[in-house]
PDB file of N, CA and C in Angstrom:
ATOM      1  N   MET A   1       4.168  27.856   5.686  1.00  0.00           N
ATOM      2  CA  MET A   1       3.542  27.319   4.567  1.00  0.00           C
ATOM      3  C   MET A   1       4.143  26.375   4.283  1.00  0.00           C
ATOM      4  N   MET A   2       5.353  26.270   4.301  1.00  0.00           N
ATOM      5  CA  MET A   2       6.277  24.983   3.649  1.00  0.00           C
ATOM      6  C   MET A   2       6.553  23.889   4.463  1.00  0.00           C
ATOM      7  N   LYS A   3       5.086  23.645   5.550  1.00  0.00           N
ATOM      8  CA  LYS A   3       4.857  22.698   6.344  1.00  0.00           C
ATOM      9  C   LYS A   3       3.817  22.002   6.030  1.00  0.00           C
ATOM     10  N   ARG A   4       2.971  22.739   6.133  1.00  0.00           N
ATOM     11  CA  ARG A   4       2.153  22.434   5.121  1.00  0.00           C
ATOM     12  C   ARG A   4       1.879  22.091   3.882  1.00  0.00           C
ATOM     13  N   LEU A   5       2.399  22.737   2.554  1.00  0.00           N
ATOM     14  CA  LEU A   5       2.839  22.281   1.290  1.00  0.00           C
ATOM     15  C   LEU A   5       3.394  20.608   1.403  1.00  0.00           C
ATOM     16  N   ILE A   6       4.395  20.581   2.318  1.00  0.00           N
ATOM     17  CA  ILE A   6       4.769  19.335   2.207  1.00  0.00           C
ATOM     18  C   ILE A   6       4.662  18.533   2.528  1.00  0.00           C
ATOM     19  N   GLY A   7       3.213  18.198   3.183  1.00  0.00           N
ATOM     20  CA  GLY A   7       2.468  17.799   4.446  1.00  0.00           C
ATOM     21  C   GLY A   7       1.140  17.205   3.368  1.00  0.00           C
ATOM     22  N   TRP A   8       0.973  18.468   1.832  1.00  0.00           N
ATOM     23  CA  TRP A   8       0.157  18.352   0.872  1.00  0.00           C
ATOM     24  C   TRP A   8       1.032  16.940   0.189  1.00  0.00           C
ATOM     25  N   ILE A   9       2.253  17.940  -0.228  1.00  0.00           N
ATOM     26  CA  ILE A   9       3.113  16.655  -1.093  1.00  0.00           C
ATOM     27  C   ILE A   9       2.701  15.424  -0.878  1.00  0.00           C
ATOM     28  N   LEU A  10       3.115  15.190   0.141  1.00  0.00           N
ATOM     29  CA  LEU A  10       3.110  13.441   0.936  1.00  0.00           C
ATOM     30  C   LEU A  10       1.252  13.287   1.403  1.00  0.00           C
ATOM     31  N   VAL A  11       0.557  13.781   1.203  1.00  0.00           N
ATOM     32  CA  VAL A  11      -1.396  13.384   0.928  1.00  0.00           C
ATOM     33  C   VAL A  11      -0.497  12.703  -0.480  1.00  0.00           C
ATOM     34  N   GLY A  12      -1.006  13.383  -1.532  1.00  0.00           N
ATOM     35  CA  GLY A  12      -0.653  12.800  -2.986  1.00  0.00           C
ATOM     36  C   GLY A  12       0.411  11.299  -3.090  1.00  0.00           C
ATOM     37  N   LEU A  13       1.161  11.806  -2.901  1.00  0.00           N
ATOM     38  CA  LEU A  13       2.119  10.731  -2.306  1.00  0.00           C
ATOM     39  C   LEU A  13       1.500   9.544  -2.200  1.00  0.00           C
ATOM     40  N   ALA A  14       0.895   9.936  -1.101  1.00  0.00           N
ATOM     41  CA  ALA A  14      -0.152   8.176  -0.918  1.00  0.00           C
ATOM     42  C   ALA A  14      -0.959   7.592  -0.890  1.00  0.00           C
ATOM     43  N   LEU A  15      -2.067   9.194  -1.782  1.00  0.00           N
ATOM     44  CA  LEU A  15      -3.347   8.852  -2.507  1.00  0.00           C
ATOM     45  C   LEU A  15      -2.911   7.573  -3.790  1.00  0.00           C
ATOM     46  N   ILE A  16      -1.123   7.792  -4.191  1.00  0.00           N
ATOM     47  CA  ILE A  16      -0.600   6.904  -5.512  1.00  0.00           C
ATOM     48  C   ILE A  16       0.043   5.698  -4.552  1.00  0.00           C
ATOM     49  N   GLY A  17       0.491   5.789  -3.357  1.00  0.00           N
ATOM     50  CA  GLY A  17       0.122   4.936  -2.993  1.00  0.00           C
ATOM     51  C   GLY A  17      -0.372   3.408  -2.915  1.00  0.00           C
ATOM     52  N   ALA A  18      -1.688   4.630  -2.296  1.00  0.00           N
ATOM     53  CA  ALA A  18      -2.550   2.795  -2.107  1.00  0.00           C
ATOM     54  C   ALA A  18      -2.895   2.398  -3.270  1.00  0.00           C
ATOM     55  N   MET A  19      -3.213   3.432  -4.556  1.00  0.00           N
ATOM     56  CA  MET A  19      -3.849   3.320  -5.537  1.00  0.00           C
ATOM     57  C   MET A  19      -3.062   2.334  -6.032  1.00  0.00           C
ATOM     58  N   THR A  20      -1.744   1.920  -6.092  1.00  0.00           N
ATOM     59  CA  THR A  20      -1.215   1.197  -5.903  1.00  0.00           C
ATOM     60  C   THR A  20      -1.249  -0.032  -5.632  1.00  0.00           C
ATOM     61  N   TYR A  21      -1.556   0.456  -4.734  1.00  0.00           N
ATOM     62  CA  TYR A  21      -1.718  -1.570  -3.935  1.00  0.00           C
ATOM     63  C   TYR A  21      -3.125  -1.824  -4.089  1.00  0.00           C
ATOM     64  N   LEU A  22      -3.401  -1.540  -4.276  1.00  0.00           N
ATOM     65  CA  LEU A  22      -5.214  -1.919  -5.156  1.00  0.00           C
ATOM     66  C   LEU A  22      -5.305  -1.933  -5.970  1.00  0.00           C
ATOM     67  N   ALA A  23      -4.823  -1.600  -6.787  1.00  0.00           N
ATOM     68  CA  ALA A  23      -4.100  -1.900  -8.301  1.00  0.00           C
ATOM     69  C   ALA A  23      -3.302  -3.131  -7.924  1.00  0.00           C
ATOM     70  N   LEU A  24      -2.357  -3.110  -7.435  1.00  0.00           N
ATOM     71  CA  LEU A  24      -1.906  -4.501  -8.297  1.00  0.00           C
ATOM     72  C   LEU A  24      -2.441  -6.159  -6.713  1.00  0.00           C
ATOM     73  N   THR A  25      -2.781  -5.371  -5.861  1.00  0.00           N
ATOM     74  CA  THR A  25      -3.491  -6.398  -5.209  1.00  0.00           C
ATOM     75  C   THR A  25      -4.654  -6.802  -6.210  1.00  0.00           C
ATOM     76  N   ASP A  26      -5.622  -6.161  -7.398  1.00  0.00           N
ATOM     77  CA  ASP A  26      -7.201  -6.969  -7.714  1.00  0.00           C
ATOM     78  C   ASP A  26      -6.058  -7.437  -9.248  1.00  0.00           C
ATOM     79  N   TYR A  27      -4.677  -7.011  -9.640  1.00  0.00           N
ATOM     80  CA  TYR A  27      -4.159  -7.779 -10.754  1.00  0.00           C
ATOM     81  C   TYR A  27      -3.432  -9.115  -9.877  1.00  0.00           C
ATOM     82  N   TYR A  28      -3.407  -8.847  -8.975  1.00  0.00           N
ATOM     83  CA  TYR A  28      -2.310 -10.679  -8.029  1.00  0.00           C
ATOM     84  C   TYR A  28      -4.411 -11.522  -7.543  1.00  0.00           C
ATOM     85  N   ALA A  29      -4.735 -11.228  -7.328  1.00  0.00           N
ATOM     86  CA  ALA A  29      -6.141 -11.813  -7.910  1.00  0.00           C
ATOM     87  C   ALA A  29      -6.557 -12.518  -8.610  1.00  0.00           C
ATOM     88  N   ASN A  30      -5.628 -11.959  -9.654  1.00  0.00           N
ATOM     89  CA  ASN A  30      -6.548 -12.477 -10.601  1.00  0.00           C
ATOM     90  C   ASN A  30      -5.969 -12.500 -11.951  1.00  0.00           C
ATOM     91  N   ALA A  31      -4.778 -12.684 -11.429  1.00  0.00           N
ATOM     92  CA  ALA A  31      -3.506 -13.682 -11.348  1.00  0.00           C
ATOM     93  C   ALA A  31      -2.840 -14.591 -12.010  1.00  0.00           C
ATOM     94  N   LEU A  32      -2.543 -14.343 -10.654  1.00  0.00           N
ATOM     95  CA  LEU A  32      -2.036 -15.775  -9.524  1.00  0.00           C
ATOM     96  C   LEU A  32      -2.741 -16.601  -9.694  1.00  0.00           C
ATOM     97  N   PRO A  33      -1.314 -18.042  -9.137  1.00  0.00           N
ATOM     98  CA  PRO A  33      -2.343 -19.096  -8.659  1.00  0.00           C
ATOM     99  C   PRO A  33      -3.398 -19.191  -7.454  1.00  0.00           C
ATOM    100  N   ARG A  34      -4.924 -20.285  -8.298  1.00  0.00           N
ATOM    101  CA  ARG A  34      -5.903 -20.506  -7.246  1.00  0.00           C
ATOM    102  C   ARG A  34      -5.737 -21.606  -5.800  1.00  0.00           C
ATOM    103  N   SER A  35      -4.548 -22.531  -6.094  1.00  0.00           N
ATOM    104  CA  SER A  35      -3.229 -23.311  -4.966  1.00  0.00           C
ATOM    105  C   SER A  35      -2.354 -23.084  -5.432  1.00  0.00           C
ATOM    106  N   ALA A  36      -1.671 -23.813  -3.902  1.00  0.00           N
ATOM    107  CA  ALA A  36      -0.328 -23.021  -3.266  1.00  0.00           C
ATOM    108  C   ALA A  36       0.538 -24.513  -4.249  1.00  0.00           C
ATOM    109  N   GLN A  37       1.422 -23.417  -5.026  1.00  0.00           N
ATOM    110  CA  GLN A  37       2.917 -24.021  -6.441  1.00  0.00           C
ATOM    111  C   GLN A  37       4.055 -23.642  -5.351  1.00  0.00           C
ATOM    112  N   ALA A  38       3.710 -24.334  -4.758  1.00  0.00           N
ATOM    113  CA  ALA A  38       5.608 -24.970  -3.647  1.00  0.00           C
ATOM    114  C   ALA A  38       7.061 -24.918  -4.505  1.00  0.00           C
ATOM    115  N   GLY A  39       7.008 -25.316  -5.625  1.00  0.00           N
ATOM    116  CA  GLY A  39       7.953 -25.426  -7.155  1.00  0.00           C
ATOM    117  C   GLY A  39       7.751 -24.292  -7.532  1.00  0.00           C
ATOM    118  N   GLN A  40       6.714 -22.968  -7.889  1.00  0.00           N
ATOM    119  CA  GLN A  40       7.258 -21.315  -8.121  1.00  0.00           C
ATOM    120  C   GLN A  40       7.774 -21.037  -6.926  1.00  0.00           C
ATOM    121  N   GLY A  41       7.118 -21.136  -5.715  1.00  0.00           N
ATOM    122  CA  GLY A  41       6.772 -20.473  -4.473  1.00  0.00           C
ATOM    123  C   GLY A  41       6.368 -19.792  -3.599  1.00  0.00           C
ATOM    124  N   ALA A  42       4.764 -19.912  -4.597  1.00  0.00           N
ATOM    125  CA  ALA A  42       3.374 -19.297  -4.786  1.00  0.00           C
ATOM    126  C   ALA A  42       3.033 -20.327  -3.289  1.00  0.00           C
ATOM    127  N   THR A  43       3.733 -19.641  -2.074  1.00  0.00           N
ATOM    128  CA  THR A  43       2.580 -20.295  -0.919  1.00  0.00           C
ATOM    129  C   THR A  43       2.170 -19.807   0.365  1.00  0.00           C
ATOM    130  N   VAL A  44       1.945 -18.151  -0.107  1.00  0.00           N
ATOM    131  CA  VAL A  44       1.497 -17.273   0.755  1.00  0.00           C
ATOM    132  C   VAL A  44       0.128 -17.333   0.510  1.00  0.00           C
ATOM    133  N   PRO A  45      -0.318 -17.326   1.165  1.00  0.00           N
ATOM    134  CA  PRO A  45      -2.322 -17.256   0.981  1.00  0.00           C
ATOM    135  C   PRO A  45      -2.464 -15.720   0.988  1.00  0.00           C
ATOM    136  N   MET A  46      -3.483 -15.370   0.325  1.00  0.00           N
ATOM    137  CA  MET A  46      -3.876 -13.776   0.512  1.00  0.00           C
ATOM    138  C   MET A  46      -5.397 -14.665  -0.119  1.00  0.00           C
ATOM    139  N   ASN A  47      -7.036 -13.667   0.675  1.00  0.00           N
ATOM    140  CA  ASN A  47      -7.564 -13.771   0.241  1.00  0.00           C
ATOM    141  C   ASN A  47      -8.004 -11.973  -0.101  1.00  0.00           C
ATOM    142  N   TYR A  48      -8.592 -12.309  -1.889  1.00  0.00           N
ATOM    143  CA  TYR A  48      -9.146 -10.873  -1.815  1.00  0.00           C
ATOM    144  C   TYR A  48     -11.082 -10.947  -2.104  1.00  0.00           C
ATOM    145  N   HIS A  49     -11.906 -11.134  -0.827  1.00  0.00           N
ATOM    146  CA  HIS A  49     -13.101 -10.681  -1.291  1.00  0.00           C
ATOM    147  C   HIS A  49     -13.564 -12.540  -1.295  1.00  0.00           C
ATOM    148  N   GLY A  50     -13.143 -13.308  -0.444  1.00  0.00           N
ATOM    149  CA  GLY A  50     -13.331 -14.302  -0.950  1.00  0.00           C
ATOM    150  C   GLY A  50     -12.368 -15.666  -1.600  1.00  0.00           C
ATOM    151  N   THR A  51     -11.749 -14.801  -2.068  1.00  0.00           N
ATOM    152  CA  THR A  51     -11.098 -16.142  -3.438  1.00  0.00           C
ATOM    153  C   THR A  51      -9.541 -15.940  -3.293  1.00  0.00           C
ATOM    154  N   ILE A  52      -9.275 -17.419  -2.712  1.00  0.00           N
ATOM    155  CA  ILE A  52      -8.160 -17.511  -1.986  1.00  0.00           C
ATOM    156  C   ILE A  52      -6.546 -17.436  -2.973  1.00  0.00           C
ATOM    157  N   VAL A  53      -5.832 -16.946  -3.399  1.00  0.00           N
ATOM    158  CA  VAL A  53      -5.075 -16.561  -4.264  1.00  0.00           C
ATOM    159  C   VAL A  53      -3.484 -16.924  -3.811  1.00  0.00           C
ATOM    160  N   TYR A  54      -2.167 -17.508  -4.228  1.00  0.00           N
ATOM    161  CA  TYR A  54      -1.171 -18.010  -3.870  1.00  0.00           C
ATOM    162  C   TYR A  54      -0.369 -16.761  -4.073  1.00  0.00           C
ATOM    163  N   LEU A  55       0.926 -16.508  -2.917  1.00  0.00           N
ATOM    164  CA  LEU A  55       1.830 -14.701  -3.690  1.00  0.00           C
ATOM    165  C   LEU A  55       3.158 -16.331  -3.413  1.00  0.00           C
ATOM    166  N   THR A  56       3.909 -15.522  -3.710  1.00  0.00           N
ATOM    167  CA  THR A  56       5.356 -15.738  -3.246  1.00  0.00           C
ATOM    168  C   THR A  56       6.489 -15.233  -2.222  1.00  0.00           C
ATOM    169  N   ASN A  57       6.775 -14.881  -1.363  1.00  0.00           N
ATOM    170  CA  ASN A  57       7.442 -14.218   0.176  1.00  0.00           C
ATOM    171  C   ASN A  57       7.360 -12.777  -0.541  1.00  0.00           C
ATOM    172  N   GLY A  58       8.387 -12.525  -2.148  1.00  0.00           N
ATOM    173  CA  GLY A  58       8.360 -11.283  -2.332  1.00  0.00           C
ATOM    174  C   GLY A  58       7.339 -10.720  -2.476  1.00  0.00           C
ATOM    175  N   GLN A  59       5.814 -11.092  -3.330  1.00  0.00           N
ATOM    176  CA  GLN A  59       5.102 -10.953  -3.816  1.00  0.00           C
ATOM    177  C   GLN A  59       4.448 -10.109  -2.833  1.00  0.00           C
ATOM    178  N   ALA A  60       4.188 -10.973  -1.832  1.00  0.00           N
ATOM    179  CA  ALA A  60       3.623 -10.906  -0.433  1.00  0.00           C
ATOM    180  C   ALA A  60       4.443  -9.083   0.428  1.00  0.00           C
ATOM    181  N   THR A  61       6.008  -9.816   0.948  1.00  0.00           N
ATOM    182  CA  THR A  61       6.764  -8.229   1.249  1.00  0.00           C
ATOM    183  C   THR A  61       6.098  -7.014   0.009  1.00  0.00           C
ATOM    184  N   LEU A  62       6.197  -7.208  -0.738  1.00  0.00           N
ATOM    185  CA  LEU A  62       6.077  -5.777  -1.398  1.00  0.00           C
ATOM    186  C   LEU A  62       4.610  -5.412  -1.166  1.00  0.00           C
ATOM    187  N   LEU A  63       3.282  -6.231  -0.789  1.00  0.00           N
ATOM    188  CA  LEU A  63       1.843  -5.949  -1.396  1.00  0.00           C
ATOM    189  C   LEU A  63       1.955  -5.117   1.046  1.00  0.00           C
ATOM    190  N   PHE A  64       2.714  -5.550   1.443  1.00  0.00           N
ATOM    191  CA  PHE A  64       3.125  -5.619   3.043  1.00  0.00           C
ATOM    192  C   PHE A  64       3.472  -3.718   2.216  1.00  0.00           C
ATOM    193  N   LEU A  65       4.940  -3.726   2.084  1.00  0.00           N
ATOM    194  CA  LEU A  65       5.540  -2.829   2.125  1.00  0.00           C
ATOM    195  C   LEU A  65       4.372  -1.632   1.351  1.00  0.00           C
ATOM    196  N   LEU A  66       3.617  -1.558   0.682  1.00  0.00           N
ATOM    197  CA  LEU A  66       3.082  -0.840  -0.387  1.00  0.00           C
ATOM    198  C   LEU A  66       1.817  -0.301   0.968  1.00  0.00           C
ATOM    199  N   GLN A  67       1.097  -1.174   1.420  1.00  0.00           N
ATOM    200  CA  GLN A  67      -0.394  -0.857   2.331  1.00  0.00           C
ATOM    201  C   GLN A  67       0.999   0.062   3.920  1.00  0.00           C
ATOM    202  N   THR A  68       1.190  -0.441   3.977  1.00  0.00           N
ATOM    203  CA  THR A  68       2.223  -0.134   5.290  1.00  0.00           C
ATOM    204  C   THR A  68       3.053   1.574   5.139  1.00  0.00           C
ATOM    205  N   GLY A  69       3.654   1.241   4.051  1.00  0.00           N
ATOM    206  CA  GLY A  69       4.294   2.552   3.134  1.00  0.00           C
ATOM    207  C   GLY A  69       2.863   4.236   3.222  1.00  0.00           C
ATOM    208  N   TRP A  70       1.854   3.321   2.202  1.00  0.00           N
ATOM    209  CA  TRP A  70       1.019   4.890   1.875  1.00  0.00           C
ATOM    210  C   TRP A  70       0.021   4.968   3.302  1.00  0.00           C
ATOM    211  N   ILE A  71      -0.059   4.255   4.509  1.00  0.00           N
ATOM    212  CA  ILE A  71      -0.875   5.049   5.493  1.00  0.00           C
ATOM    213  C   ILE A  71       0.386   6.005   6.385  1.00  0.00           C
ATOM    214  N   VAL A  72       1.629   5.303   6.493  1.00  0.00           N
ATOM    215  CA  VAL A  72       2.317   5.918   7.454  1.00  0.00           C
ATOM    216  C   VAL A  72       2.476   7.668   6.788  1.00  0.00           C
ATOM    217  N   THR A  73       2.654   7.386   5.032  1.00  0.00           N
ATOM    218  CA  THR A  73       2.687   8.581   4.378  1.00  0.00           C
ATOM    219  C   THR A  73       1.385   9.645   5.240  1.00  0.00           C
ATOM    220  N   ALA A  74       0.355   8.915   4.191  1.00  0.00           N
ATOM    221  CA  ALA A  74      -0.511   9.305   4.562  1.00  0.00           C
ATOM    222  C   ALA A  74      -1.819  10.253   6.181  1.00  0.00           C
ATOM    223  N   VAL A  75      -0.450   9.382   7.039  1.00  0.00           N
ATOM    224  CA  VAL A  75      -0.864  10.160   8.731  1.00  0.00           C
ATOM    225  C   VAL A  75       0.016  11.225   9.176  1.00  0.00           C
ATOM    226  N   ILE A  76       1.166  10.886   8.211  1.00  0.00           N
ATOM    227  CA  ILE A  76       2.935  12.286   8.834  1.00  0.00           C
ATOM    228  C   ILE A  76       1.886  12.862   7.722  1.00  0.00           C
ATOM    229  N   GLY A  77       1.930  12.273   6.041  1.00  0.00           N
ATOM    230  CA  GLY A  77       0.584  14.692   5.537  1.00  0.00           C
ATOM    231  C   GLY A  77      -0.107  14.649   7.012  1.00  0.00           C
ATOM    232  N   GLY A  78      -1.027  14.159   7.095  1.00  0.00           N
ATOM    233  CA  GLY A  78      -2.198  15.117   7.872  1.00  0.00           C
ATOM    234  C   GLY A  78      -1.886  15.716   8.273  1.00  0.00           C
ATOM    235  N   LEU A  79      -0.783  14.342   9.145  1.00  0.00           N
ATOM    236  CA  LEU A  79      -0.957  16.137  10.705  1.00  0.00           C
ATOM    237  C   LEU A  79      -0.258  17.116   9.756  1.00  0.00           C
ATOM    238  N   LEU A  80       0.533  17.435   9.007  1.00  0.00           N
ATOM    239  CA  LEU A  80       1.451  18.491   8.640  1.00  0.00           C
ATOM    240  C   LEU A  80       0.830  19.573   8.072  1.00  0.00           C
ATOM    241  N   THR A  81      -0.304  18.873   7.111  1.00  0.00           N
ATOM    242  CA  THR A  81      -1.452  19.696   7.026  1.00  0.00           C
ATOM    243  C   THR A  81      -2.357  20.398   7.657  1.00  0.00           C
ATOM    244  N   THR A  82      -2.339  19.686   9.233  1.00  0.00           N
ATOM    245  CA  THR A  82      -3.542  20.118  10.011  1.00  0.00           C
ATOM    246  C   THR A  82      -2.822  21.071  10.889  1.00  0.00           C
ATOM    247  N   THR A  83      -1.845  21.154  10.804  1.00  0.00           N
ATOM    248  CA  THR A  83      -0.778  22.065  12.367  1.00  0.00           C
ATOM    249  C   THR A  83      -0.390  22.731  12.471  1.00  0.00           C
ATOM    250  N   LYS A  84      -0.599  23.991  12.849  1.00  0.00           N
ATOM    251  CA  LYS A  84      -0.856  25.342  12.978  1.00  0.00           C
ATOM    252  C   LYS A  84       0.655  25.658  13.148  1.00  0.00           C
ATOM    253  N   SER A  85       0.432  27.501  12.178  1.00  0.00           N
ATOM    254  CA  SER A  85       2.399  27.354  12.622  1.00  0.00           C
ATOM    255  C   SER A  85       2.040  28.419  13.569  1.00  0.00           C
ATOM    256  N   LYS A  86       3.599  28.607  14.519  1.00  0.00           N
ATOM    257  CA  LYS A  86       3.794  28.989  15.829  1.00  0.00           C
ATOM    258  C   LYS A  86       3.791  30.098  14.731  1.00  0.00           C
ATOM    259  N   ARG A  87       4.378  30.672  14.333  1.00  0.00           N
ATOM    260  CA  ARG A  87       4.762  32.364  13.565  1.00  0.00           C
ATOM    261  C   ARG A  87       2.827  33.268  13.016  1.00  0.00           C
ATOM    262  N   GLY A  88       2.471  33.034  13.826  1.00  0.00           N
ATOM    263  CA  GLY A  88       1.074  33.882  13.953  1.00  0.00           C
ATOM    264  C   GLY A  88       0.692  34.052  12.614  1.00  0.00           C
TER     265      GLY A  88
END
């Protein structure tokens, strides 16, 4: 029972992480420069539905960690919610 509860909590956190990732990606697509700005450090291209914007290394790393984090959390949470308990 406790394992399933932890699994559902992780699934909920994964959904929050996914929504944060999507919102931040949309914000970046609308707010960041559309040409590389070496002076500002915005040199990492991101394609968002055909629109290329340039992120800093920190912004690109943040998006990568958010995306990887919510996917891994969702998989672990999903596994915990669907596994059967050995206690019949």
